[in-house]
Amino acid sequence: MTVRGVRGATTVVSDQPDIVLEATRTLVIEMANENGIVPDEIISVIVSTTRDIESAFPAKAVRTLDGWKYVPVMCTHEMDVPGSMPLCIRILMHVNSETHQKDIKHIYQNEAIKLRPDLQK
C-alpha cells in the first residue's frame, strides 16, 4: 500500500454557501466513487478556492458526508494569479491505495475541465 494523491476541481456560478457546499460535495463523491475510495483509506483532504469564494468553508461539505466525520480536511486559498479561472474549488485527496499512479482518475467538473484537458477521457 502506498500514498496516492487524487486531484479534482470544479467551478460554481456564484459565491453562495449552498452552491459552494453542493459543488464540493458533488466533486468529492465523484472522486471517491470513481477511484473506489472509502473514508478509512483517506489520509487527508486539502480544499482550495480562488479568492472570490468566501461565503462558506468547503471543508464543511466534506465533513458532513456519511462516514467522513473523522477525515482530516483543511481549506486554503489558491494563489491569485492574473487570468486564472474564477470561482474555482480544487481538491487534493491523499489516500492509501494500491492503484498505480497512472490509473488514478482525477475528476474535473464544469468549467474546471479546462484546467487539465489532458486528463479527460
PDB file of N, CA and C in Angstrom:
ATOM      1  N   MET A   1       0.856  -1.180   0.000  1.00  0.00           N
ATOM      2  CA  MET A   1       0.000   0.000   0.000  1.00  0.00           C
ATOM      3  C   MET A   1       0.895   1.233   0.000  1.00  0.00           C
ATOM      4  N   THR A   2       0.504   2.228  -0.777  1.00  0.00           N
ATOM      5  CA  THR A   2       1.259   3.474  -0.860  1.00  0.00           C
ATOM      6  C   THR A   2       0.290   4.651  -0.793  1.00  0.00           C
ATOM      7  N   VAL A   3       0.835   5.827  -0.634  1.00  0.00           N
ATOM      8  CA  VAL A   3       0.011   7.031  -0.601  1.00  0.00           C
ATOM      9  C   VAL A   3      -0.096   7.588  -2.015  1.00  0.00           C
ATOM     10  N   ARG A   4      -1.322   7.885  -2.428  1.00  0.00           N
ATOM     11  CA  ARG A   4      -1.575   8.482  -3.729  1.00  0.00           C
ATOM     12  C   ARG A   4      -2.335   9.783  -3.548  1.00  0.00           C
ATOM     13  N   GLY A   5      -2.136  10.694  -4.469  1.00  0.00           N
ATOM     14  CA  GLY A   5      -2.890  11.936  -4.500  1.00  0.00           C
ATOM     15  C   GLY A   5      -3.952  11.850  -5.578  1.00  0.00           C
ATOM     16  N   VAL A   6      -5.159  12.215  -5.213  1.00  0.00           N
ATOM     17  CA  VAL A   6      -6.263  12.246  -6.174  1.00  0.00           C
ATOM     18  C   VAL A   6      -6.698  13.696  -6.286  1.00  0.00           C
ATOM     19  N   ARG A   7      -6.666  14.214  -7.512  1.00  0.00           N
ATOM     20  CA  ARG A   7      -6.999  15.624  -7.745  1.00  0.00           C
ATOM     21  C   ARG A   7      -8.391  15.774  -8.296  1.00  0.00           C
ATOM     22  N   GLY A   8      -8.967  16.922  -8.009  1.00  0.00           N
ATOM     23  CA  GLY A   8     -10.266  17.253  -8.571  1.00  0.00           C
ATOM     24  C   GLY A   8     -10.469  18.753  -8.529  1.00  0.00           C
ATOM     25  N   ALA A   9     -11.335  19.241  -9.380  1.00  0.00           N
ATOM     26  CA  ALA A   9     -11.666  20.668  -9.381  1.00  0.00           C
ATOM     27  C   ALA A   9     -13.041  20.855 -10.004  1.00  0.00           C
ATOM     28  N   THR A  10     -13.680  21.923  -9.572  1.00  0.00           N
ATOM     29  CA  THR A  10     -14.978  22.294 -10.117  1.00  0.00           C
ATOM     30  C   THR A  10     -15.099  23.809 -10.047  1.00  0.00           C
ATOM     31  N   THR A  11     -16.122  24.324 -10.654  1.00  0.00           N
ATOM     32  CA  THR A  11     -16.413  25.750 -10.562  1.00  0.00           C
ATOM     33  C   THR A  11     -17.856  25.925 -10.117  1.00  0.00           C
ATOM     34  N   VAL A  12     -18.141  27.116  -9.601  1.00  0.00           N
ATOM     35  CA  VAL A  12     -19.508  27.468  -9.210  1.00  0.00           C
ATOM     36  C   VAL A  12     -19.918  28.708  -9.987  1.00  0.00           C
ATOM     37  N   VAL A  13     -21.223  28.896 -10.138  1.00  0.00           N
ATOM     38  CA  VAL A  13     -21.714  30.050 -10.895  1.00  0.00           C
ATOM     39  C   VAL A  13     -21.705  31.321 -10.057  1.00  0.00           C
ATOM     40  N   SER A  14     -21.756  31.158  -8.721  1.00  0.00           N
ATOM     41  CA  SER A  14     -21.689  32.321  -7.836  1.00  0.00           C
ATOM     42  C   SER A  14     -21.266  31.870  -6.449  1.00  0.00           C
ATOM     43  N   ASP A  15     -20.781  32.824  -5.670  1.00  0.00           N
ATOM     44  CA  ASP A  15     -20.312  32.540  -4.317  1.00  0.00           C
ATOM     45  C   ASP A  15     -21.463  32.631  -3.323  1.00  0.00           C
ATOM     46  N   GLN A  16     -22.214  31.558  -3.244  1.00  0.00           N
ATOM     47  CA  GLN A  16     -23.304  31.444  -2.280  1.00  0.00           C
ATOM     48  C   GLN A  16     -23.090  30.144  -1.512  1.00  0.00           C
ATOM     49  N   PRO A  17     -23.283  30.164  -0.199  1.00  0.00           N
ATOM     50  CA  PRO A  17     -22.964  28.984   0.611  1.00  0.00           C
ATOM     51  C   PRO A  17     -23.553  27.674   0.095  1.00  0.00           C
ATOM     52  N   ASP A  18     -24.816  27.643  -0.243  1.00  0.00           N
ATOM     53  CA  ASP A  18     -25.429  26.394  -0.684  1.00  0.00           C
ATOM     54  C   ASP A  18     -24.830  25.899  -1.997  1.00  0.00           C
ATOM     55  N   ILE A  19     -24.475  26.817  -2.873  1.00  0.00           N
ATOM     56  CA  ILE A  19     -23.869  26.444  -4.159  1.00  0.00           C
ATOM     57  C   ILE A  19     -22.457  25.910  -3.946  1.00  0.00           C
ATOM     58  N   VAL A  20     -21.676  26.582  -3.124  1.00  0.00           N
ATOM     59  CA  VAL A  20     -20.294  26.154  -2.832  1.00  0.00           C
ATOM     60  C   VAL A  20     -20.291  24.777  -2.176  1.00  0.00           C
ATOM     61  N   LEU A  21     -21.145  24.579  -1.181  1.00  0.00           N
ATOM     62  CA  LEU A  21     -21.176  23.308  -0.468  1.00  0.00           C
ATOM     63  C   LEU A  21     -21.647  22.166  -1.359  1.00  0.00           C
ATOM     64  N   GLU A  22     -22.654  22.400  -2.166  1.00  0.00           N
ATOM     65  CA  GLU A  22     -23.151  21.342  -3.051  1.00  0.00           C
ATOM     66  C   GLU A  22     -22.123  20.983  -4.125  1.00  0.00           C
ATOM     67  N   ALA A  23     -21.458  21.962  -4.684  1.00  0.00           N
ATOM     68  CA  ALA A  23     -20.421  21.681  -5.697  1.00  0.00           C
ATOM     69  C   ALA A  23     -19.280  20.873  -5.093  1.00  0.00           C
ATOM     70  N   THR A  24     -18.883  21.220  -3.878  1.00  0.00           N
ATOM     71  CA  THR A  24     -17.806  20.495  -3.202  1.00  0.00           C
ATOM     72  C   THR A  24     -18.238  19.062  -2.922  1.00  0.00           C
ATOM     73  N   ARG A  25     -19.424  18.904  -2.384  1.00  0.00           N
ATOM     74  CA  ARG A  25     -19.963  17.577  -2.069  1.00  0.00           C
ATOM     75  C   ARG A  25     -20.008  16.701  -3.326  1.00  0.00           C
ATOM     76  N   THR A  26     -20.526  17.250  -4.407  1.00  0.00           N
ATOM     77  CA  THR A  26     -20.643  16.506  -5.665  1.00  0.00           C
ATOM     78  C   THR A  26     -19.271  16.071  -6.172  1.00  0.00           C
ATOM     79  N   LEU A  27     -18.302  16.967  -6.106  1.00  0.00           N
ATOM     80  CA  LEU A  27     -16.950  16.657  -6.571  1.00  0.00           C
ATOM     81  C   LEU A  27     -16.315  15.554  -5.738  1.00  0.00           C
ATOM     82  N   VAL A  28     -16.371  15.690  -4.427  1.00  0.00           N
ATOM     83  CA  VAL A  28     -15.744  14.703  -3.538  1.00  0.00           C
ATOM     84  C   VAL A  28     -16.369  13.323  -3.720  1.00  0.00           C
ATOM     85  N   ILE A  29     -17.678  13.273  -3.823  1.00  0.00           N
ATOM     86  CA  ILE A  29     -18.354  11.987  -4.011  1.00  0.00           C
ATOM     87  C   ILE A  29     -17.910  11.329  -5.322  1.00  0.00           C
ATOM     88  N   GLU A  30     -17.826  12.111  -6.397  1.00  0.00           N
ATOM     89  CA  GLU A  30     -17.391  11.521  -7.666  1.00  0.00           C
ATOM     90  C   GLU A  30     -15.935  11.070  -7.594  1.00  0.00           C
ATOM     91  N   MET A  31     -15.078  11.860  -6.951  1.00  0.00           N
ATOM     92  CA  MET A  31     -13.673  11.466  -6.799  1.00  0.00           C
ATOM     93  C   MET A  31     -13.563  10.130  -6.066  1.00  0.00           C
ATOM     94  N   ALA A  32     -14.307   9.988  -4.979  1.00  0.00           N
ATOM     95  CA  ALA A  32     -14.266   8.750  -4.195  1.00  0.00           C
ATOM     96  C   ALA A  32     -14.858   7.582  -4.978  1.00  0.00           C
ATOM     97  N   ASN A  33     -16.006   7.791  -5.581  1.00  0.00           N
ATOM     98  CA  ASN A  33     -16.662   6.706  -6.325  1.00  0.00           C
ATOM     99  C   ASN A  33     -15.827   6.226  -7.505  1.00  0.00           C
ATOM    100  N   GLU A  34     -15.299   7.149  -8.285  1.00  0.00           N
ATOM    101  CA  GLU A  34     -14.530   6.780  -9.484  1.00  0.00           C
ATOM    102  C   GLU A  34     -13.225   6.055  -9.148  1.00  0.00           C
ATOM    103  N   ASN A  35     -12.738   6.255  -7.929  1.00  0.00           N
ATOM    104  CA  ASN A  35     -11.474   5.628  -7.526  1.00  0.00           C
ATOM    105  C   ASN A  35     -11.658   4.550  -6.460  1.00  0.00           C
ATOM    106  N   GLY A  36     -12.901   4.216  -6.147  1.00  0.00           N
ATOM    107  CA  GLY A  36     -13.166   3.170  -5.162  1.00  0.00           C
ATOM    108  C   GLY A  36     -12.619   3.494  -3.777  1.00  0.00           C
ATOM    109  N   ILE A  37     -12.677   4.765  -3.397  1.00  0.00           N
ATOM    110  CA  ILE A  37     -12.103   5.215  -2.122  1.00  0.00           C
ATOM    111  C   ILE A  37     -13.181   5.210  -1.042  1.00  0.00           C
ATOM    112  N   VAL A  38     -12.832   4.663   0.122  1.00  0.00           N
ATOM    113  CA  VAL A  38     -13.702   4.729   1.301  1.00  0.00           C
ATOM    114  C   VAL A  38     -13.008   5.622   2.331  1.00  0.00           C
ATOM    115  N   PRO A  39     -13.774   6.268   3.200  1.00  0.00           N
ATOM    116  CA  PRO A  39     -13.199   7.228   4.144  1.00  0.00           C
ATOM    117  C   PRO A  39     -12.013   6.707   4.977  1.00  0.00           C
ATOM    118  N   ASP A  40     -12.031   5.441   5.373  1.00  0.00           N
ATOM    119  CA  ASP A  40     -10.926   4.911   6.176  1.00  0.00           C
ATOM    120  C   ASP A  40      -9.598   4.872   5.423  1.00  0.00           C
ATOM    121  N   GLU A  41      -9.623   4.965   4.102  1.00  0.00           N
ATOM    122  CA  GLU A  41      -8.394   4.955   3.296  1.00  0.00           C
ATOM    123  C   GLU A  41      -7.822   6.356   3.103  1.00  0.00           C
ATOM    124  N   ILE A  42      -8.566   7.368   3.524  1.00  0.00           N
ATOM    125  CA  ILE A  42      -8.155   8.751   3.274  1.00  0.00           C
ATOM    126  C   ILE A  42      -7.255   9.246   4.396  1.00  0.00           C
ATOM    127  N   ILE A  43      -6.118   9.778   4.020  1.00  0.00           N
ATOM    128  CA  ILE A  43      -5.177  10.349   4.978  1.00  0.00           C
ATOM    129  C   ILE A  43      -5.574  11.777   5.300  1.00  0.00           C
ATOM    130  N   SER A  44      -5.831  12.566   4.256  1.00  0.00           N
ATOM    131  CA  SER A  44      -6.250  13.955   4.434  1.00  0.00           C
ATOM    132  C   SER A  44      -6.792  14.500   3.127  1.00  0.00           C
ATOM    133  N   VAL A  45      -7.511  15.616   3.265  1.00  0.00           N
ATOM    134  CA  VAL A  45      -8.062  16.304   2.105  1.00  0.00           C
ATOM    135  C   VAL A  45      -7.739  17.787   2.242  1.00  0.00           C
ATOM    136  N   ILE A  46      -7.166  18.351   1.195  1.00  0.00           N
ATOM    137  CA  ILE A  46      -6.915  19.788   1.144  1.00  0.00           C
ATOM    138  C   ILE A  46      -7.856  20.370   0.100  1.00  0.00           C
ATOM    139  N   VAL A  47      -8.618  21.370   0.514  1.00  0.00           N
ATOM    140  CA  VAL A  47      -9.544  22.040  -0.377  1.00  0.00           C
ATOM    141  C   VAL A  47      -9.069  23.480  -0.536  1.00  0.00           C
ATOM    142  N   SER A  48      -8.874  23.899  -1.766  1.00  0.00           N
ATOM    143  CA  SER A  48      -8.504  25.299  -2.002  1.00  0.00           C
ATOM    144  C   SER A  48      -9.562  25.951  -2.876  1.00  0.00           C
ATOM    145  N   THR A  49      -9.699  27.247  -2.688  1.00  0.00           N
ATOM    146  CA  THR A  49     -10.628  28.010  -3.513  1.00  0.00           C
ATOM    147  C   THR A  49      -9.917  29.244  -4.039  1.00  0.00           C
ATOM    148  N   THR A  50     -10.426  29.758  -5.133  1.00  0.00           N
ATOM    149  CA  THR A  50      -9.954  31.057  -5.579  1.00  0.00           C
ATOM    150  C   THR A  50     -10.481  32.086  -4.585  1.00  0.00           C
ATOM    151  N   ARG A  51      -9.852  33.241  -4.545  1.00  0.00           N
ATOM    152  CA  ARG A  51     -10.173  34.234  -3.517  1.00  0.00           C
ATOM    153  C   ARG A  51     -11.578  34.826  -3.639  1.00  0.00           C
ATOM    154  N   ASP A  52     -12.242  34.574  -4.767  1.00  0.00           N
ATOM    155  CA  ASP A  52     -13.603  35.077  -4.923  1.00  0.00           C
ATOM    156  C   ASP A  52     -14.648  34.170  -4.278  1.00  0.00           C
ATOM    157  N   ILE A  53     -14.207  33.092  -3.647  1.00  0.00           N
ATOM    158  CA  ILE A  53     -15.104  32.229  -2.874  1.00  0.00           C
ATOM    159  C   ILE A  53     -14.791  32.436  -1.404  1.00  0.00           C
ATOM    160  N   GLU A  54     -15.753  33.028  -0.707  1.00  0.00           N
ATOM    161  CA  GLU A  54     -15.547  33.316   0.716  1.00  0.00           C
ATOM    162  C   GLU A  54     -16.827  33.173   1.539  1.00  0.00           C
ATOM    163  N   SER A  55     -17.883  32.648   0.946  1.00  0.00           N
ATOM    164  CA  SER A  55     -19.176  32.565   1.635  1.00  0.00           C
ATOM    165  C   SER A  55     -19.305  31.352   2.548  1.00  0.00           C
ATOM    166  N   ALA A  56     -18.488  30.319   2.325  1.00  0.00           N
ATOM    167  CA  ALA A  56     -18.587  29.091   3.108  1.00  0.00           C
ATOM    168  C   ALA A  56     -17.250  28.360   3.083  1.00  0.00           C
ATOM    169  N   PHE A  57     -17.034  27.540   4.102  1.00  0.00           N
ATOM    170  CA  PHE A  57     -15.872  26.654   4.117  1.00  0.00           C
ATOM    171  C   PHE A  57     -16.251  25.369   3.382  1.00  0.00           C
ATOM    172  N   PRO A  58     -15.650  25.103   2.220  1.00  0.00           N
ATOM    173  CA  PRO A  58     -15.981  23.871   1.500  1.00  0.00           C
ATOM    174  C   PRO A  58     -15.702  22.609   2.322  1.00  0.00           C
ATOM    175  N   ALA A  59     -14.778  22.675   3.268  1.00  0.00           N
ATOM    176  CA  ALA A  59     -14.479  21.509   4.110  1.00  0.00           C
ATOM    177  C   ALA A  59     -15.721  21.031   4.856  1.00  0.00           C
ATOM    178  N   LYS A  60     -16.623  21.933   5.153  1.00  0.00           N
ATOM    179  CA  LYS A  60     -17.864  21.569   5.844  1.00  0.00           C
ATOM    180  C   LYS A  60     -18.633  20.530   5.032  1.00  0.00           C
ATOM    181  N   ALA A  61     -18.655  20.691   3.725  1.00  0.00           N
ATOM    182  CA  ALA A  61     -19.358  19.748   2.860  1.00  0.00           C
ATOM    183  C   ALA A  61     -18.737  18.356   2.943  1.00  0.00           C
ATOM    184  N   VAL A  62     -17.425  18.298   3.063  1.00  0.00           N
ATOM    185  CA  VAL A  62     -16.727  17.015   3.144  1.00  0.00           C
ATOM    186  C   VAL A  62     -17.021  16.345   4.484  1.00  0.00           C
ATOM    187  N   ARG A  63     -16.899  17.102   5.552  1.00  0.00           N
ATOM    188  CA  ARG A  63     -17.083  16.540   6.894  1.00  0.00           C
ATOM    189  C   ARG A  63     -18.509  16.046   7.155  1.00  0.00           C
ATOM    190  N   THR A  64     -19.467  16.551   6.408  1.00  0.00           N
ATOM    191  CA  THR A  64     -20.859  16.147   6.641  1.00  0.00           C
ATOM    192  C   THR A  64     -21.296  14.947   5.799  1.00  0.00           C
ATOM    193  N   LEU A  65     -20.405  14.430   4.954  1.00  0.00           N
ATOM    194  CA  LEU A  65     -20.733  13.218   4.193  1.00  0.00           C
ATOM    195  C   LEU A  65     -20.774  12.030   5.150  1.00  0.00           C
ATOM    196  N   ASP A  66     -21.646  11.075   4.877  1.00  0.00           N
ATOM    197  CA  ASP A  66     -21.737   9.881   5.712  1.00  0.00           C
ATOM    198  C   ASP A  66     -20.390   9.171   5.788  1.00  0.00           C
ATOM    199  N   GLY A  67     -19.895   8.953   7.003  1.00  0.00           N
ATOM    200  CA  GLY A  67     -18.645   8.243   7.211  1.00  0.00           C
ATOM    201  C   GLY A  67     -17.398   9.096   7.132  1.00  0.00           C
ATOM    202  N   TRP A  68     -17.518  10.391   6.821  1.00  0.00           N
ATOM    203  CA  TRP A  68     -16.360  11.260   6.614  1.00  0.00           C
ATOM    204  C   TRP A  68     -16.063  12.161   7.807  1.00  0.00           C
ATOM    205  N   LYS A  69     -16.753  12.000   8.896  1.00  0.00           N
ATOM    206  CA  LYS A  69     -16.637  12.884  10.053  1.00  0.00           C
ATOM    207  C   LYS A  69     -15.201  13.030  10.561  1.00  0.00           C
ATOM    208  N   TYR A  70     -14.431  11.951  10.537  1.00  0.00           N
ATOM    209  CA  TYR A  70     -13.087  11.971  11.106  1.00  0.00           C
ATOM    210  C   TYR A  70     -11.975  12.144  10.071  1.00  0.00           C
ATOM    211  N   VAL A  71     -12.335  12.359   8.815  1.00  0.00           N
ATOM    212  CA  VAL A  71     -11.326  12.608   7.772  1.00  0.00           C
ATOM    213  C   VAL A  71     -10.767  14.021   7.978  1.00  0.00           C
ATOM    214  N   PRO A  72      -9.447  14.159   8.118  1.00  0.00           N
ATOM    215  CA  PRO A  72      -8.871  15.496   8.275  1.00  0.00           C
ATOM    216  C   PRO A  72      -9.016  16.310   6.982  1.00  0.00           C
ATOM    217  N   VAL A  73      -9.631  17.469   7.116  1.00  0.00           N
ATOM    218  CA  VAL A  73      -9.875  18.331   5.959  1.00  0.00           C
ATOM    219  C   VAL A  73      -9.433  19.749   6.302  1.00  0.00           C
ATOM    220  N   MET A  74      -8.787  20.408   5.353  1.00  0.00           N
ATOM    221  CA  MET A  74      -8.338  21.781   5.559  1.00  0.00           C
ATOM    222  C   MET A  74      -8.630  22.614   4.321  1.00  0.00           C
ATOM    223  N   CYS A  75      -9.045  23.854   4.546  1.00  0.00           N
ATOM    224  CA  CYS A  75      -9.299  24.794   3.449  1.00  0.00           C
ATOM    225  C   CYS A  75      -8.179  25.830   3.365  1.00  0.00           C
ATOM    226  N   THR A  76      -7.952  26.292   2.157  1.00  0.00           N
ATOM    227  CA  THR A  76      -6.973  27.351   1.913  1.00  0.00           C
ATOM    228  C   THR A  76      -7.374  28.069   0.626  1.00  0.00           C
ATOM    229  N   HIS A  77      -6.692  29.169   0.335  1.00  0.00           N
ATOM    230  CA  HIS A  77      -6.928  29.882  -0.919  1.00  0.00           C
ATOM    231  C   HIS A  77      -5.818  29.594  -1.916  1.00  0.00           C
ATOM    232  N   GLU A  78      -6.184  29.582  -3.172  1.00  0.00           N
ATOM    233  CA  GLU A  78      -5.223  29.458  -4.267  1.00  0.00           C
ATOM    234  C   GLU A  78      -4.460  30.772  -4.423  1.00  0.00           C
ATOM    235  N   MET A  79      -3.340  30.694  -5.099  1.00  0.00           N
ATOM    236  CA  MET A  79      -2.610  31.911  -5.457  1.00  0.00           C
ATOM    237  C   MET A  79      -3.499  32.758  -6.356  1.00  0.00           C
ATOM    238  N   ASP A  80      -3.398  34.051  -6.212  1.00  0.00           N
ATOM    239  CA  ASP A  80      -4.210  34.971  -7.014  1.00  0.00           C
ATOM    240  C   ASP A  80      -3.419  35.382  -8.261  1.00  0.00           C
ATOM    241  N   VAL A  81      -3.398  34.509  -9.244  1.00  0.00           N
ATOM    242  CA  VAL A  81      -2.634  34.727 -10.468  1.00  0.00           C
ATOM    243  C   VAL A  81      -3.528  35.421 -11.496  1.00  0.00           C
ATOM    244  N   PRO A  82      -3.062  36.513 -12.095  1.00  0.00           N
ATOM    245  CA  PRO A  82      -3.873  37.191 -13.105  1.00  0.00           C
ATOM    246  C   PRO A  82      -4.285  36.228 -14.226  1.00  0.00           C
ATOM    247  N   GLY A  83      -5.558  36.279 -14.576  1.00  0.00           N
ATOM    248  CA  GLY A  83      -6.069  35.436 -15.655  1.00  0.00           C
ATOM    249  C   GLY A  83      -6.455  34.029 -15.231  1.00  0.00           C
ATOM    250  N   SER A  84      -6.329  33.712 -13.945  1.00  0.00           N
ATOM    251  CA  SER A  84      -6.679  32.359 -13.510  1.00  0.00           C
ATOM    252  C   SER A  84      -8.196  32.177 -13.509  1.00  0.00           C
ATOM    253  N   MET A  85      -8.626  30.926 -13.479  1.00  0.00           N
ATOM    254  CA  MET A  85     -10.042  30.600 -13.534  1.00  0.00           C
ATOM    255  C   MET A  85     -10.758  31.096 -12.273  1.00  0.00           C
ATOM    256  N   PRO A  86     -11.828  31.853 -12.434  1.00  0.00           N
ATOM    257  CA  PRO A  86     -12.563  32.352 -11.263  1.00  0.00           C
ATOM    258  C   PRO A  86     -13.514  31.300 -10.681  1.00  0.00           C
ATOM    259  N   LEU A  87     -13.932  31.545  -9.445  1.00  0.00           N
ATOM    260  CA  LEU A  87     -14.934  30.733  -8.753  1.00  0.00           C
ATOM    261  C   LEU A  87     -14.627  29.237  -8.836  1.00  0.00           C
ATOM    262  N   CYS A  88     -13.381  28.894  -8.529  1.00  0.00           N
ATOM    263  CA  CYS A  88     -12.900  27.527  -8.679  1.00  0.00           C
ATOM    264  C   CYS A  88     -12.580  26.905  -7.317  1.00  0.00           C
ATOM    265  N   ILE A  89     -13.000  25.667  -7.155  1.00  0.00           N
ATOM    266  CA  ILE A  89     -12.721  24.867  -5.964  1.00  0.00           C
ATOM    267  C   ILE A  89     -11.843  23.704  -6.404  1.00  0.00           C
ATOM    268  N   ARG A  90     -10.699  23.541  -5.746  1.00  0.00           N
ATOM    269  CA  ARG A  90      -9.782  22.443  -6.073  1.00  0.00           C
ATOM    270  C   ARG A  90      -9.639  21.537  -4.859  1.00  0.00           C
ATOM    271  N   ILE A  91      -9.462  20.253  -5.116  1.00  0.00           N
ATOM    272  CA  ILE A  91      -9.309  19.288  -4.027  1.00  0.00           C
ATOM    273  C   ILE A  91      -8.114  18.393  -4.307  1.00  0.00           C
ATOM    274  N   LEU A  92      -7.330  18.168  -3.256  1.00  0.00           N
ATOM    275  CA  LEU A  92      -6.256  17.182  -3.288  1.00  0.00           C
ATOM    276  C   LEU A  92      -6.524  16.220  -2.145  1.00  0.00           C
ATOM    277  N   MET A  93      -6.843  14.985  -2.500  1.00  0.00           N
ATOM    278  CA  MET A  93      -7.154  13.949  -1.533  1.00  0.00           C
ATOM    279  C   MET A  93      -5.966  12.991  -1.457  1.00  0.00           C
ATOM    280  N   HIS A  94      -5.396  12.814  -0.266  1.00  0.00           N
ATOM    281  CA  HIS A  94      -4.303  11.863  -0.055  1.00  0.00           C
ATOM    282  C   HIS A  94      -4.922  10.560   0.446  1.00  0.00           C
ATOM    283  N   VAL A  95      -4.658   9.462  -0.257  1.00  0.00           N
ATOM    284  CA  VAL A  95      -5.286   8.189   0.108  1.00  0.00           C
ATOM    285  C   VAL A  95      -4.268   7.056   0.127  1.00  0.00           C
ATOM    286  N   ASN A  96      -4.529   6.073   0.979  1.00  0.00           N
ATOM    287  CA  ASN A  96      -3.784   4.819   0.928  1.00  0.00           C
ATOM    288  C   ASN A  96      -4.400   4.001  -0.192  1.00  0.00           C
ATOM    289  N   SER A  97      -3.565   3.551  -1.118  1.00  0.00           N
ATOM    290  CA  SER A  97      -4.113   2.871  -2.284  1.00  0.00           C
ATOM    291  C   SER A  97      -3.085   1.933  -2.901  1.00  0.00           C
ATOM    292  N   GLU A  98      -3.589   0.897  -3.520  1.00  0.00           N
ATOM    293  CA  GLU A  98      -2.728   0.004  -4.303  1.00  0.00           C
ATOM    294  C   GLU A  98      -2.855   0.292  -5.792  1.00  0.00           C
ATOM    295  N   THR A  99      -3.637   1.315  -6.138  1.00  0.00           N
ATOM    296  CA  THR A  99      -3.812   1.707  -7.533  1.00  0.00           C
ATOM    297  C   THR A  99      -2.547   2.386  -8.033  1.00  0.00           C
ATOM    298  N   HIS A 100      -2.130   2.041  -9.232  1.00  0.00           N
ATOM    299  CA  HIS A 100      -0.965   2.695  -9.832  1.00  0.00           C
ATOM    300  C   HIS A 100      -1.280   4.153 -10.132  1.00  0.00           C
ATOM    301  N   GLN A 101      -0.278   5.000 -10.012  1.00  0.00           N
ATOM    302  CA  GLN A 101      -0.446   6.436 -10.222  1.00  0.00           C
ATOM    303  C   GLN A 101      -1.154   6.741 -11.541  1.00  0.00           C
ATOM    304  N   LYS A 102      -0.759   6.068 -12.594  1.00  0.00           N
ATOM    305  CA  LYS A 102      -1.336   6.327 -13.921  1.00  0.00           C
ATOM    306  C   LYS A 102      -2.800   5.914 -14.016  1.00  0.00           C
ATOM    307  N   ASP A 103      -3.266   5.105 -13.062  1.00  0.00           N
ATOM    308  CA  ASP A 103      -4.647   4.631 -13.098  1.00  0.00           C
ATOM    309  C   ASP A 103      -5.583   5.415 -12.186  1.00  0.00           C
ATOM    310  N   ILE A 104      -5.056   6.386 -11.463  1.00  0.00           N
ATOM    311  CA  ILE A 104      -5.895   7.241 -10.627  1.00  0.00           C
ATOM    312  C   ILE A 104      -6.767   8.089 -11.554  1.00  0.00           C
ATOM    313  N   LYS A 105      -8.035   8.217 -11.217  1.00  0.00           N
ATOM    314  CA  LYS A 105      -8.948   9.026 -12.018  1.00  0.00           C
ATOM    315  C   LYS A 105      -9.123  10.381 -11.344  1.00  0.00           C
ATOM    316  N   HIS A 106      -8.534  11.401 -11.924  1.00  0.00           N
ATOM    317  CA  HIS A 106      -8.660  12.766 -11.429  1.00  0.00           C
ATOM    318  C   HIS A 106      -9.935  13.350 -12.042  1.00  0.00           C
ATOM    319  N   ILE A 107     -10.706  14.058 -11.243  1.00  0.00           N
ATOM    320  CA  ILE A 107     -12.039  14.486 -11.668  1.00  0.00           C
ATOM    321  C   ILE A 107     -12.092  16.005 -11.814  1.00  0.00           C
ATOM    322  N   TYR A 108     -12.488  16.445 -12.976  1.00  0.00           N
ATOM    323  CA  TYR A 108     -12.650  17.872 -13.252  1.00  0.00           C
ATOM    324  C   TYR A 108     -14.054  18.094 -13.777  1.00  0.00           C
ATOM    325  N   GLN A 109     -14.783  19.003 -13.134  1.00  0.00           N
ATOM    326  CA  GLN A 109     -16.173  19.253 -13.472  1.00  0.00           C
ATOM    327  C   GLN A 109     -16.389  20.704 -13.903  1.00  0.00           C
ATOM    328  N   ASN A 110     -17.482  20.914 -14.593  1.00  0.00           N
ATOM    329  CA  ASN A 110     -17.900  22.257 -15.020  1.00  0.00           C
ATOM    330  C   ASN A 110     -16.772  22.940 -15.803  1.00  0.00           C
ATOM    331  N   GLU A 111     -16.544  24.216 -15.564  1.00  0.00           N
ATOM    332  CA  GLU A 111     -15.504  24.944 -16.299  1.00  0.00           C
ATOM    333  C   GLU A 111     -14.102  24.456 -15.964  1.00  0.00           C
ATOM    334  N   ALA A 112     -13.952  23.774 -14.840  1.00  0.00           N
ATOM    335  CA  ALA A 112     -12.627  23.306 -14.409  1.00  0.00           C
ATOM    336  C   ALA A 112     -12.046  22.237 -15.332  1.00  0.00           C
ATOM    337  N   ILE A 113     -12.853  21.649 -16.200  1.00  0.00           N
ATOM    338  CA  ILE A 113     -12.293  20.669 -17.133  1.00  0.00           C
ATOM    339  C   ILE A 113     -11.233  21.311 -18.028  1.00  0.00           C
ATOM    340  N   LYS A 114     -11.273  22.633 -18.158  1.00  0.00           N
ATOM    341  CA  LYS A 114     -10.272  23.352 -18.958  1.00  0.00           C
ATOM    342  C   LYS A 114      -8.899  23.362 -18.287  1.00  0.00           C
ATOM    343  N   LEU A 115      -8.859  23.092 -16.980  1.00  0.00           N
ATOM    344  CA  LEU A 115      -7.580  23.105 -16.262  1.00  0.00           C
ATOM    345  C   LEU A 115      -6.677  21.950 -16.667  1.00  0.00           C
ATOM    346  N   ARG A 116      -7.268  20.780 -16.899  1.00  0.00           N
ATOM    347  CA  ARG A 116      -6.481  19.600 -17.240  1.00  0.00           C
ATOM    348  C   ARG A 116      -7.139  18.798 -18.354  1.00  0.00           C
ATOM    349  N   PRO A 117      -7.205  19.354 -19.554  1.00  0.00           N
ATOM    350  CA  PRO A 117      -7.829  18.612 -20.655  1.00  0.00           C
ATOM    351  C   PRO A 117      -7.092  17.310 -20.980  1.00  0.00           C
ATOM    352  N   ASP A 118      -5.821  17.253 -20.601  1.00  0.00           N
ATOM    353  CA  ASP A 118      -5.036  16.051 -20.856  1.00  0.00           C
ATOM    354  C   ASP A 118      -5.494  14.861 -20.013  1.00  0.00           C
ATOM    355  N   LEU A 119      -6.250  15.119 -18.936  1.00  0.00           N
ATOM    356  CA  LEU A 119      -6.720  14.036 -18.077  1.00  0.00           C
ATOM    357  C   LEU A 119      -8.159  13.617 -18.366  1.00  0.00           C
ATOM    358  N   GLN A 120      -8.816  14.293 -19.305  1.00  0.00           N
ATOM    359  CA  GLN A 120     -10.191  13.948 -19.654  1.00  0.00           C
ATOM    360  C   GLN A 120     -10.214  12.718 -20.533  1.00  0.00           C
ATOM    361  N   LYS A 121     -11.142  11.825 -20.230  1.00  0.00           N
ATOM    362  CA  LYS A 121     -11.225  10.575 -21.009  1.00  0.00           C
ATOM    363  C   LYS A 121     -12.480  10.537 -21.824  1.00  0.00           C
TER     364      LYS A 121
END
